[in-house]
Amino acid sequence: MRFPSLSILLPKRWRFSVLSILTTVLTITVGIFLSVSVSARLSPMASAGDATTFNRTSSAYEDAPPNLTAQGIEDHDLGDEAFEEAFVLTPGHENAGLGPVFNNASCVGCHIRNGRGMPEPGQLLLRVTDTTALDDLQKSAMDKVERLKNAPPVRGLGNQVQDFSVVGTTPEANVEILWKEEAGSYGDGMPYRLRSPQFNVTLPDGDPLPDTVAVSPRIPPHVYGLGLLEAIPEADILALADPDDQDGDGISGRPNRVWDVVKQELTLGRFGWKANAPNLLQQSAEAYVNDMGITNSLFPAEDGSTEIDDATLVAAAAYSQTLAAPARTLMDDPQVMRGEKLFSDASCVACHVSTFKTGKHKYPSLENQDIHPFTDMLLHDMGEGLADNRPDFEANGQEWRTPSLWGVGLAQTVLPYSGYLHDGRARTFEEAILWHGGEAENSKLAFDRMPKADRDALVRFLQSL
């Protein structure tokens, strides 16, 4: 943790020894540290307890938790280097192995300043599935993991379209993003416009992507605060699940059960837009192989070879594990306070659960922290408007994991014009709310029917996170 320099002005007649001065400075410094540490734990602004950063500038998502140990800081710095490394075509002297087809050449190329990405080529990617094989999936001789994912690959594309390639190789497809706009109006008559992405996908032979292929666009999600989400005890997440809506509130969140390639078993999914990754190590390994074409020990080539060593993979995962979450702001502002109450009254907190206490983790600095991520880590039916009609393990084509909202108010401070929701279609918080459906339909309607002053207050609350 960094502290301002201390200036002690002493009258000449004060004859302090050097030892006395050093003792005084040390006492004051320790006092400041303890005061800051305790205030971080007690302050509701401290979204991540002692792992909170109070930086709300364009670099807010890049800070390590101030309470990291020396080993944690070393791991974070090594991970930062791995995250920024750009890969090149083989044979290269360093970072070789890119492609031959890919979506981007580095982690930071998608996760700019560790925030959410843009809905544009090089950042937005398309997951694909052959829907004609869904009915026969469980009967097929397909790989066990593919059967569990309920996502039969598309011939020539696999499960993800790589729309870039190294020199001398043709990309898997050309992806053109178009935007469809539709008009609407709030209950008070105030107009708005919503947009959704449409895709022209052209294969190398000039043919369009068949209609039988389900396409799911995804922008890169933010990567800060993920280690803290990884540290939430599984039992606490499962306790929030209500798949049969037994309490009758219309909210029926449920966990995704996904394949852990290291343990070789089904386990709780935590990360990704459909909670399809069990931990940050596996999510990092999947990003290397799917987004950059970089094989690794979790996802090797068919002959068992790899293009990065385990040290690089572990370092990249460690970086996302050791990023702080930004503090809230303006909590005493009357408009923000009213907006938070409206957020609760509209039942948004039924999915965007505000508070957890972290448990065991690889990094002890992340343990026993009272955190406020505003997510339940569960899948929810978000309605046909946001449906991608593509299953992913136990998630169906209308379900998405509740995204965390801590730090969301800084999204466009970190990367101007970045979008919200899984495909970046929403340009504003208002648009993001208006796209909610399914289990969130009543919350959306509550927002729609609010007078403008109340809508503004609720948005102001989101901006304060």
Protein backbone atom coordinates (compact mmCIF):
# COMPACT_ATOMS: atom_id res chain seq x y z
CA MET A 1 0.00 0.00 0.00
CA ARG A 2 1.31 3.45 -0.84
CA PHE A 3 1.17 6.29 1.69
CA PRO A 4 1.87 10.00 1.29
CA SER A 5 5.30 11.11 2.44
CA LEU A 6 5.44 12.40 6.03
CA SER A 7 6.98 15.75 6.91
CA ILE A 8 7.80 16.37 10.57
CA LEU A 9 8.76 19.94 11.43
CA LEU A 10 10.73 20.06 14.66
CA PRO A 11 11.80 23.21 16.56
CA LYS A 12 15.59 23.45 16.84
CA ARG A 13 15.42 23.25 20.61
CA TRP A 14 13.93 19.70 20.31
CA ARG A 15 16.93 17.42 20.53
CA PHE A 16 15.49 14.10 19.31
CA SER A 17 17.95 11.33 18.69
CA VAL A 18 17.96 9.64 15.31
CA LEU A 19 16.51 6.55 16.99
CA SER A 20 13.68 8.56 18.51
CA ILE A 21 12.78 10.12 15.19
CA LEU A 22 12.78 6.75 13.43
CA THR A 23 10.65 5.29 16.20
CA THR A 24 8.15 8.12 15.92
CA VAL A 25 7.91 7.82 12.15
CA LEU A 26 7.49 4.04 12.40
CA THR A 27 4.73 4.42 14.99
CA ILE A 28 2.85 6.95 12.87
CA THR A 29 3.24 4.79 9.73
CA VAL A 30 1.97 1.66 11.49
CA GLY A 31 -0.92 3.67 12.89
CA ILE A 32 -1.87 4.90 9.43
CA PHE A 33 -1.65 1.36 8.02
CA LEU A 34 -3.84 -0.08 10.75
CA SER A 35 -6.31 2.77 10.39
CA VAL A 36 -6.59 2.31 6.62
CA SER A 37 -6.84 -1.47 6.96
CA VAL A 38 -9.58 -1.30 9.59
CA SER A 39 -11.49 1.41 7.71
CA ALA A 40 -11.34 -0.71 4.55
CA ARG A 41 -12.88 -3.62 6.42
CA LEU A 42 -15.56 -1.48 8.02
CA SER A 43 -16.39 0.93 5.23
CA PRO A 44 -19.31 -0.07 3.00
CA MET A 45 -17.40 1.68 0.20
CA ALA A 46 -14.81 -1.11 0.39
CA SER A 47 -16.40 -3.42 -2.16
CA ALA A 48 -13.76 -6.09 -1.64
CA GLY A 49 -12.79 -5.58 1.99
CA ASP A 50 -9.02 -5.30 2.38
CA ALA A 51 -8.66 -6.23 -1.30
CA THR A 52 -10.36 -3.00 -2.41
CA THR A 53 -8.69 -0.36 -4.57
CA PHE A 54 -9.84 3.20 -4.01
CA ASN A 55 -8.70 4.19 -7.47
CA ARG A 56 -11.60 5.40 -9.64
CA THR A 57 -9.62 6.57 -12.66
CA SER A 58 -9.14 4.95 -16.07
CA SER A 59 -6.62 2.58 -14.44
CA ALA A 60 -9.04 1.44 -11.72
CA TYR A 61 -9.18 -2.16 -12.95
CA GLU A 62 -5.39 -2.59 -13.03
CA ASP A 63 -4.57 -2.45 -9.32
CA ALA A 64 -3.47 -5.37 -7.20
CA PRO A 65 -5.15 -5.75 -3.79
CA PRO A 66 -3.27 -3.54 -1.32
CA ASN A 67 -3.12 -6.40 1.20
CA LEU A 68 -1.27 -8.86 -1.07
CA THR A 69 1.73 -10.61 0.43
CA ALA A 70 5.18 -10.25 -1.10
CA GLN A 71 4.68 -13.58 -2.89
CA GLY A 72 1.30 -12.43 -4.14
CA ILE A 73 2.80 -9.23 -5.53
CA GLU A 74 5.54 -11.22 -7.28
CA ASP A 75 2.93 -13.55 -8.82
CA HIS A 76 0.80 -10.57 -9.85
CA ASP A 77 3.72 -8.87 -11.61
CA LEU A 78 4.71 -12.06 -13.45
CA GLY A 79 1.08 -12.54 -14.43
CA ASP A 80 0.87 -8.98 -15.68
CA GLU A 81 3.76 -9.72 -18.04
CA ALA A 82 2.09 -12.92 -19.28
CA PHE A 83 -1.19 -11.10 -19.77
CA GLU A 84 0.49 -8.51 -21.99
CA GLU A 85 2.63 -10.88 -24.06
CA ALA A 86 1.74 -10.85 -27.76
CA PHE A 87 2.19 -14.19 -29.51
CA VAL A 88 3.67 -14.61 -32.97
CA LEU A 89 3.78 -17.16 -35.76
CA THR A 90 5.97 -20.23 -35.27
CA PRO A 91 8.95 -20.30 -35.48
CA GLY A 92 9.57 -17.23 -33.37
CA HIS A 93 12.32 -16.60 -30.85
CA GLU A 94 9.79 -15.68 -28.16
CA ASN A 95 6.06 -16.26 -27.68
CA ALA A 96 5.76 -18.46 -30.74
CA GLY A 97 2.72 -20.62 -31.42
CA LEU A 98 0.01 -18.16 -32.47
CA GLY A 99 -2.78 -19.60 -34.56
CA PRO A 100 -2.75 -20.65 -37.31
CA VAL A 101 -6.23 -19.17 -36.82
CA PHE A 102 -7.15 -16.98 -33.86
CA ASN A 103 -9.28 -14.13 -32.50
CA ASN A 104 -6.51 -12.06 -30.92
CA ALA A 105 -2.77 -12.33 -30.25
CA SER A 106 -2.71 -11.48 -26.53
CA CYS A 107 -4.87 -11.47 -23.43
CA VAL A 108 -4.73 -7.70 -23.12
CA GLY A 109 -5.75 -7.36 -26.77
CA CYS A 110 -9.26 -8.38 -25.74
CA HIS A 111 -9.33 -7.37 -22.08
CA ILE A 112 -8.22 -3.77 -22.56
CA ARG A 113 -7.17 -2.32 -19.19
CA ASN A 114 -8.82 -5.41 -17.70
CA GLY A 115 -12.29 -4.15 -18.53
CA ARG A 116 -15.05 -5.45 -20.76
CA GLY A 117 -14.38 -5.50 -24.47
CA MET A 118 -16.01 -3.90 -27.49
CA PRO A 119 -18.51 -5.52 -29.87
CA GLU A 120 -16.15 -5.40 -32.82
CA PRO A 121 -13.78 -7.78 -34.68
CA GLY A 122 -10.75 -8.72 -32.64
CA GLN A 123 -12.71 -8.59 -29.40
CA LEU A 124 -16.20 -9.93 -29.96
CA LEU A 125 -16.15 -13.64 -30.79
CA LEU A 126 -18.74 -16.13 -31.95
CA ARG A 127 -19.36 -19.46 -30.24
CA VAL A 128 -21.09 -21.88 -32.62
CA THR A 129 -22.96 -25.19 -32.41
CA ASP A 130 -24.39 -27.59 -34.98
CA THR A 131 -28.03 -27.73 -33.89
CA THR A 132 -28.82 -30.67 -36.19
CA ALA A 133 -26.71 -32.90 -33.95
CA LEU A 134 -28.29 -31.84 -30.67
CA ASP A 135 -31.02 -34.48 -30.67
CA ASP A 136 -28.57 -37.31 -31.25
CA LEU A 137 -25.87 -35.89 -29.01
CA GLN A 138 -26.12 -38.32 -26.11
CA LYS A 139 -26.23 -41.32 -28.45
CA SER A 140 -23.17 -40.29 -30.45
CA ALA A 141 -19.60 -41.43 -30.07
CA MET A 142 -18.56 -37.83 -29.54
CA ASP A 143 -16.02 -36.97 -26.89
CA LYS A 144 -17.47 -37.09 -23.36
CA VAL A 145 -16.76 -33.43 -22.68
CA GLU A 146 -18.50 -32.34 -25.89
CA ARG A 147 -21.53 -34.41 -24.91
CA LEU A 148 -21.57 -32.80 -21.49
CA LYS A 149 -21.32 -29.33 -23.05
CA ASN A 150 -24.40 -30.04 -25.21
CA ALA A 151 -22.55 -28.14 -27.93
CA PRO A 152 -21.77 -30.27 -31.01
CA PRO A 153 -18.96 -28.60 -32.99
CA VAL A 154 -19.50 -27.26 -36.49
CA ARG A 155 -17.52 -28.97 -39.23
CA GLY A 156 -14.55 -26.79 -40.17
CA LEU A 157 -15.16 -24.36 -37.30
CA GLY A 158 -15.29 -26.33 -34.10
CA ASN A 159 -17.07 -24.47 -31.28
CA GLN A 160 -15.68 -20.99 -31.96
CA VAL A 161 -15.12 -18.96 -35.10
CA GLN A 162 -11.52 -17.75 -35.46
CA ASP A 163 -11.80 -14.84 -37.86
CA PHE A 164 -8.09 -13.94 -38.04
CA SER A 165 -5.12 -15.99 -39.21
CA VAL A 166 -1.35 -15.94 -39.51
CA VAL A 167 0.31 -15.15 -42.83
CA GLY A 168 -0.26 -17.88 -45.38
CA THR A 169 -3.40 -19.23 -43.70
CA THR A 170 -7.04 -18.39 -44.37
CA PRO A 171 -9.31 -17.38 -41.46
CA GLU A 172 -12.11 -19.80 -40.67
CA ALA A 173 -14.67 -17.21 -41.72
CA ASN A 174 -15.26 -13.54 -42.35
CA VAL A 175 -17.52 -11.98 -39.74
CA GLU A 176 -19.48 -8.80 -40.50
CA ILE A 177 -21.34 -7.21 -37.60
CA LEU A 178 -24.54 -5.32 -38.41
CA TRP A 179 -26.84 -3.54 -35.99
CA LYS A 180 -30.59 -3.76 -35.92
CA GLU A 181 -32.38 -0.96 -34.07
CA GLU A 182 -35.89 -0.86 -32.71
CA ALA A 183 -37.84 1.94 -31.10
CA GLY A 184 -39.75 1.84 -27.85
CA SER A 185 -41.00 4.11 -25.11
CA TYR A 186 -41.15 4.13 -21.33
CA GLY A 187 -44.42 4.08 -19.44
CA ASP A 188 -44.31 7.87 -19.27
CA GLY A 189 -44.01 8.11 -23.06
CA MET A 190 -40.33 9.02 -23.22
CA PRO A 191 -38.84 7.30 -26.31
CA TYR A 192 -35.79 5.09 -26.45
CA ARG A 193 -34.00 2.93 -29.01
CA LEU A 194 -32.52 -0.52 -28.51
CA ARG A 195 -30.07 -2.30 -30.78
CA SER A 196 -29.05 -5.92 -31.27
CA PRO A 197 -26.20 -7.41 -33.32
CA GLN A 198 -26.78 -9.34 -36.51
CA PHE A 199 -24.03 -11.31 -38.22
CA ASN A 200 -23.08 -12.07 -41.78
CA VAL A 201 -20.66 -14.98 -41.52
CA THR A 202 -19.03 -16.00 -44.80
CA LEU A 203 -17.03 -19.22 -45.04
CA PRO A 204 -13.78 -19.40 -47.05
CA ASP A 205 -15.62 -20.93 -50.04
CA GLY A 206 -17.96 -17.92 -50.15
CA ASP A 207 -20.96 -19.73 -48.66
CA PRO A 208 -22.87 -18.25 -45.74
CA LEU A 209 -22.99 -20.00 -42.39
CA PRO A 210 -25.84 -22.57 -42.52
CA ASP A 211 -29.06 -21.69 -40.72
CA THR A 212 -28.65 -24.86 -38.67
CA VAL A 213 -25.69 -23.33 -36.81
CA ALA A 214 -26.50 -21.57 -33.52
CA VAL A 215 -24.37 -18.46 -33.08
CA SER A 216 -23.61 -16.95 -29.69
CA PRO A 217 -21.70 -13.64 -29.70
CA ARG A 218 -19.58 -12.83 -26.65
CA ILE A 219 -17.57 -9.74 -25.74
CA PRO A 220 -14.61 -10.16 -23.37
CA PRO A 221 -15.83 -9.80 -19.77
CA HIS A 222 -13.91 -7.78 -17.20
CA VAL A 223 -11.19 -9.64 -15.29
CA TYR A 224 -10.82 -7.64 -12.05
CA GLY A 225 -12.04 -9.08 -8.75
CA LEU A 226 -12.23 -12.62 -10.12
CA GLY A 227 -10.00 -14.16 -7.46
CA LEU A 228 -12.47 -13.00 -4.83
CA LEU A 229 -15.35 -14.61 -6.72
CA GLU A 230 -13.27 -17.78 -6.94
CA ALA A 231 -12.94 -17.66 -3.14
CA ILE A 232 -16.71 -17.64 -2.45
CA PRO A 233 -17.55 -20.97 -0.80
CA GLU A 234 -19.49 -23.25 -3.13
CA ALA A 235 -22.06 -23.93 -0.41
CA ASP A 236 -22.90 -20.21 -0.23
CA ILE A 237 -23.57 -20.07 -3.97
CA LEU A 238 -25.66 -23.24 -3.97
CA ALA A 239 -27.69 -21.93 -1.04
CA LEU A 240 -29.03 -19.18 -3.30
CA ALA A 241 -30.23 -21.59 -5.98
CA ASP A 242 -33.98 -22.07 -6.35
CA PRO A 243 -34.37 -24.00 -9.63
CA ASP A 244 -38.03 -24.83 -9.00
CA ASP A 245 -38.91 -21.37 -7.68
CA GLN A 246 -40.20 -22.82 -4.44
CA ASP A 247 -40.48 -19.37 -2.86
CA GLY A 248 -42.71 -18.20 -5.71
CA ASP A 249 -40.85 -14.98 -6.42
CA GLY A 250 -40.41 -15.75 -10.11
CA ILE A 251 -36.62 -16.05 -9.73
CA SER A 252 -35.23 -19.54 -10.20
CA GLY A 253 -31.47 -19.31 -10.38
CA ARG A 254 -29.53 -22.53 -10.69
CA PRO A 255 -25.88 -23.55 -10.88
CA ASN A 256 -24.12 -24.76 -13.98
CA ARG A 257 -22.22 -28.02 -13.56
CA VAL A 258 -19.18 -28.12 -15.83
CA TRP A 259 -16.24 -30.40 -16.57
CA ASP A 260 -13.04 -29.80 -14.61
CA VAL A 261 -10.29 -31.06 -16.93
CA VAL A 262 -7.76 -31.38 -14.11
CA LYS A 263 -9.98 -33.24 -11.64
CA GLN A 264 -11.79 -35.08 -14.45
CA GLU A 265 -15.17 -34.54 -12.85
CA LEU A 266 -18.22 -32.30 -12.96
CA THR A 267 -18.06 -29.32 -10.66
CA LEU A 268 -19.62 -25.90 -10.09
CA GLY A 269 -19.21 -23.44 -12.97
CA ARG A 270 -18.25 -19.94 -11.88
CA PHE A 271 -16.78 -17.98 -14.80
CA GLY A 272 -17.78 -17.04 -18.32
CA TRP A 273 -21.07 -15.62 -19.58
CA LYS A 274 -22.77 -18.97 -19.01
CA ALA A 275 -20.66 -20.03 -16.00
CA ASN A 276 -18.97 -22.66 -18.16
CA ALA A 277 -15.52 -22.54 -16.49
CA PRO A 278 -14.93 -23.98 -13.01
CA ASN A 279 -11.88 -21.90 -12.08
CA LEU A 280 -9.55 -19.24 -13.40
CA LEU A 281 -6.76 -21.63 -14.37
CA GLN A 282 -9.04 -23.56 -16.71
CA GLN A 283 -10.65 -20.39 -18.04
CA SER A 284 -7.18 -19.03 -18.87
CA ALA A 285 -6.21 -22.30 -20.56
CA GLU A 286 -9.39 -22.23 -22.66
CA ALA A 287 -8.73 -18.64 -23.68
CA TYR A 288 -5.21 -19.50 -24.82
CA VAL A 289 -6.34 -22.39 -27.01
CA ASN A 290 -9.66 -20.99 -28.29
CA ASP A 291 -8.85 -17.29 -28.67
CA MET A 292 -5.17 -17.47 -29.63
CA GLY A 293 -4.68 -21.03 -30.85
CA ILE A 294 -2.06 -21.63 -28.13
CA THR A 295 -2.04 -25.21 -26.86
CA ASN A 296 -1.23 -25.92 -23.21
CA SER A 297 -1.16 -28.76 -20.72
CA LEU A 298 -4.91 -28.53 -20.01
CA PHE A 299 -5.76 -28.40 -23.72
CA PRO A 300 -2.84 -29.94 -25.65
CA ALA A 301 -2.56 -30.65 -29.36
CA GLU A 302 -3.70 -34.04 -30.65
CA ASP A 303 -0.16 -35.38 -30.33
CA GLY A 304 0.06 -34.15 -26.74
CA SER A 305 2.40 -31.23 -27.48
CA THR A 306 1.99 -27.75 -25.96
CA GLU A 307 3.05 -24.25 -26.98
CA ILE A 308 3.25 -22.60 -23.57
CA ASP A 309 4.62 -24.08 -20.37
CA ASP A 310 2.70 -24.43 -17.13
CA ALA A 311 4.55 -21.49 -15.58
CA THR A 312 3.09 -19.14 -18.20
CA LEU A 313 -0.40 -20.57 -17.81
CA VAL A 314 -0.29 -20.34 -14.02
CA ALA A 315 1.05 -16.78 -14.21
CA ALA A 316 -1.78 -15.65 -16.49
CA ALA A 317 -4.35 -17.18 -14.14
CA ALA A 318 -2.62 -15.58 -11.15
CA TYR A 319 -2.99 -12.16 -12.72
CA SER A 320 -6.78 -12.42 -12.88
CA GLN A 321 -6.77 -13.89 -9.37
CA THR A 322 -4.85 -10.95 -7.95
CA LEU A 323 -6.73 -7.94 -9.28
CA ALA A 324 -8.55 -5.73 -6.80
CA ALA A 325 -12.15 -4.56 -7.12
CA PRO A 326 -12.85 -0.79 -7.10
CA ALA A 327 -14.48 0.92 -4.15
CA ARG A 328 -17.93 2.42 -4.41
CA THR A 329 -18.39 6.18 -4.37
CA LEU A 330 -21.01 8.81 -3.49
CA MET A 331 -22.72 6.54 -0.99
CA ASP A 332 -24.02 9.53 0.96
CA ASP A 333 -25.44 11.18 -2.15
CA PRO A 334 -29.26 11.38 -1.79
CA GLN A 335 -29.84 10.41 -5.43
CA VAL A 336 -27.52 7.40 -5.13
CA MET A 337 -29.18 6.33 -1.90
CA ARG A 338 -32.61 6.57 -3.51
CA GLY A 339 -31.37 4.67 -6.55
CA GLU A 340 -30.09 1.83 -4.39
CA LYS A 341 -33.48 1.56 -2.69
CA LEU A 342 -35.23 1.51 -6.07
CA PHE A 343 -32.79 -1.19 -7.23
CA SER A 344 -33.84 -3.26 -4.24
CA ASP A 345 -37.56 -2.48 -4.57
CA ALA A 346 -37.48 -3.64 -8.20
CA SER A 347 -36.11 -7.02 -6.98
CA CYS A 348 -32.84 -6.55 -8.88
CA VAL A 349 -31.08 -7.78 -5.73
CA ALA A 350 -32.75 -11.17 -6.12
CA CYS A 351 -30.06 -12.00 -8.70
CA HIS A 352 -27.51 -9.24 -8.12
CA VAL A 353 -26.83 -10.35 -4.55
CA SER A 354 -24.75 -7.71 -2.83
CA THR A 355 -22.76 -9.50 -0.14
CA PHE A 356 -20.64 -12.61 0.36
CA LYS A 357 -17.82 -13.61 2.68
CA THR A 358 -14.88 -15.26 0.97
CA GLY A 359 -13.44 -18.59 2.08
CA LYS A 360 -10.24 -20.51 1.33
CA HIS A 361 -8.10 -19.49 -1.62
CA LYS A 362 -4.64 -19.96 -3.08
CA TYR A 363 -3.93 -16.37 -2.03
CA PRO A 364 -4.65 -15.93 1.72
CA SER A 365 -5.03 -12.17 1.21
CA LEU A 366 -8.36 -12.88 -0.51
CA GLU A 367 -9.72 -14.96 2.36
CA ASN A 368 -12.28 -13.87 4.98
CA GLN A 369 -13.21 -10.70 3.11
CA ASP A 370 -16.67 -9.18 3.18
CA ILE A 371 -17.25 -8.45 -0.50
CA HIS A 372 -20.06 -6.77 -2.40
CA PRO A 373 -19.97 -8.04 -6.02
CA PHE A 374 -23.73 -7.87 -6.78
CA THR A 375 -23.98 -11.33 -8.34
CA ASP A 376 -25.29 -14.73 -7.25
CA MET A 377 -22.99 -16.61 -9.69
CA LEU A 378 -26.05 -18.55 -10.90
CA LEU A 379 -27.80 -19.08 -14.23
CA HIS A 380 -31.06 -17.28 -14.96
CA ASP A 381 -33.50 -17.38 -17.85
CA MET A 382 -33.21 -13.90 -19.35
CA GLY A 383 -35.94 -14.31 -21.97
CA GLU A 384 -36.04 -14.63 -25.72
CA GLY A 385 -34.66 -11.15 -26.37
CA LEU A 386 -31.22 -12.14 -25.06
CA ALA A 387 -31.38 -15.81 -26.02
CA ASP A 388 -28.56 -17.29 -28.08
CA ASN A 389 -30.31 -20.69 -28.34
CA ARG A 390 -26.99 -22.38 -27.65
CA PRO A 391 -26.65 -24.69 -24.63
CA ASP A 392 -23.45 -24.89 -22.63
CA PHE A 393 -23.19 -27.77 -20.17
CA GLU A 394 -26.39 -27.43 -18.07
CA ALA A 395 -27.11 -23.87 -19.25
CA ASN A 396 -29.81 -23.70 -21.88
CA GLY A 397 -30.14 -21.27 -24.77
CA GLN A 398 -31.90 -18.58 -22.70
CA GLU A 399 -29.80 -18.74 -19.55
CA TRP A 400 -26.93 -16.49 -18.56
CA ARG A 401 -24.87 -16.18 -15.39
CA THR A 402 -25.60 -13.05 -13.37
CA PRO A 403 -22.66 -10.71 -14.05
CA SER A 404 -21.03 -8.95 -11.12
CA LEU A 405 -21.74 -5.22 -10.91
CA TRP A 406 -18.93 -4.00 -8.67
CA GLY A 407 -16.89 -1.47 -10.61
CA VAL A 408 -19.46 -1.34 -13.43
CA GLY A 409 -19.81 2.41 -13.01
CA LEU A 410 -16.23 2.77 -14.29
CA ALA A 411 -16.65 0.64 -17.42
CA GLN A 412 -16.74 3.55 -19.84
CA THR A 413 -14.16 5.50 -17.84
CA VAL A 414 -11.73 2.64 -18.43
CA LEU A 415 -12.77 2.05 -22.05
CA PRO A 416 -15.05 4.70 -23.61
CA TYR A 417 -17.94 3.32 -25.67
CA SER A 418 -17.61 -0.18 -24.25
CA GLY A 419 -20.96 -1.94 -24.07
CA TYR A 420 -22.96 -3.94 -21.58
CA LEU A 421 -24.55 -7.43 -21.64
CA HIS A 422 -22.92 -10.51 -23.14
CA ASP A 423 -22.64 -9.12 -26.67
CA GLY A 424 -22.12 -5.44 -25.90
CA ARG A 425 -25.45 -4.43 -27.46
CA ALA A 426 -26.40 -2.09 -24.62
CA ARG A 427 -24.74 1.32 -24.89
CA THR A 428 -26.14 2.56 -21.58
CA PHE A 429 -27.37 1.15 -18.29
CA GLU A 430 -30.91 2.01 -19.36
CA GLU A 431 -30.60 -0.12 -22.49
CA ALA A 432 -29.12 -3.01 -20.52
CA ILE A 433 -32.07 -3.00 -18.12
CA LEU A 434 -34.62 -2.77 -20.92
CA TRP A 435 -33.19 -5.91 -22.54
CA HIS A 436 -33.92 -7.94 -19.39
CA GLY A 437 -36.67 -10.52 -19.73
CA GLY A 438 -37.58 -13.96 -18.46
CA GLU A 439 -36.99 -14.07 -14.72
CA ALA A 440 -36.06 -10.38 -14.80
CA GLU A 441 -39.20 -9.30 -16.71
CA ASN A 442 -40.91 -7.85 -13.63
CA SER A 443 -37.80 -5.90 -12.65
CA LYS A 444 -37.59 -4.47 -16.17
CA LEU A 445 -41.26 -3.49 -16.06
CA ALA A 446 -40.74 -1.79 -12.70
CA PHE A 447 -37.96 0.29 -14.25
CA ASP A 448 -40.05 0.99 -17.35
CA ARG A 449 -42.90 2.35 -15.23
CA MET A 450 -40.76 4.57 -13.01
CA PRO A 451 -40.91 8.32 -13.51
CA LYS A 452 -37.77 9.71 -15.13
CA ALA A 453 -36.41 11.04 -11.83
CA ASP A 454 -36.49 7.53 -10.37
CA ARG A 455 -34.92 5.99 -13.47
CA ASP A 456 -32.15 8.56 -13.26
CA ALA A 457 -31.60 7.76 -9.59
CA LEU A 458 -31.32 4.03 -10.23
CA VAL A 459 -28.83 4.64 -13.03
CA ARG A 460 -26.91 7.02 -10.77
CA PHE A 461 -26.63 4.21 -8.24
CA LEU A 462 -25.16 1.89 -10.88
CA GLN A 463 -22.70 4.61 -11.86
CA SER A 464 -21.57 4.80 -8.22
CA LEU A 465 -20.58 1.12 -8.12
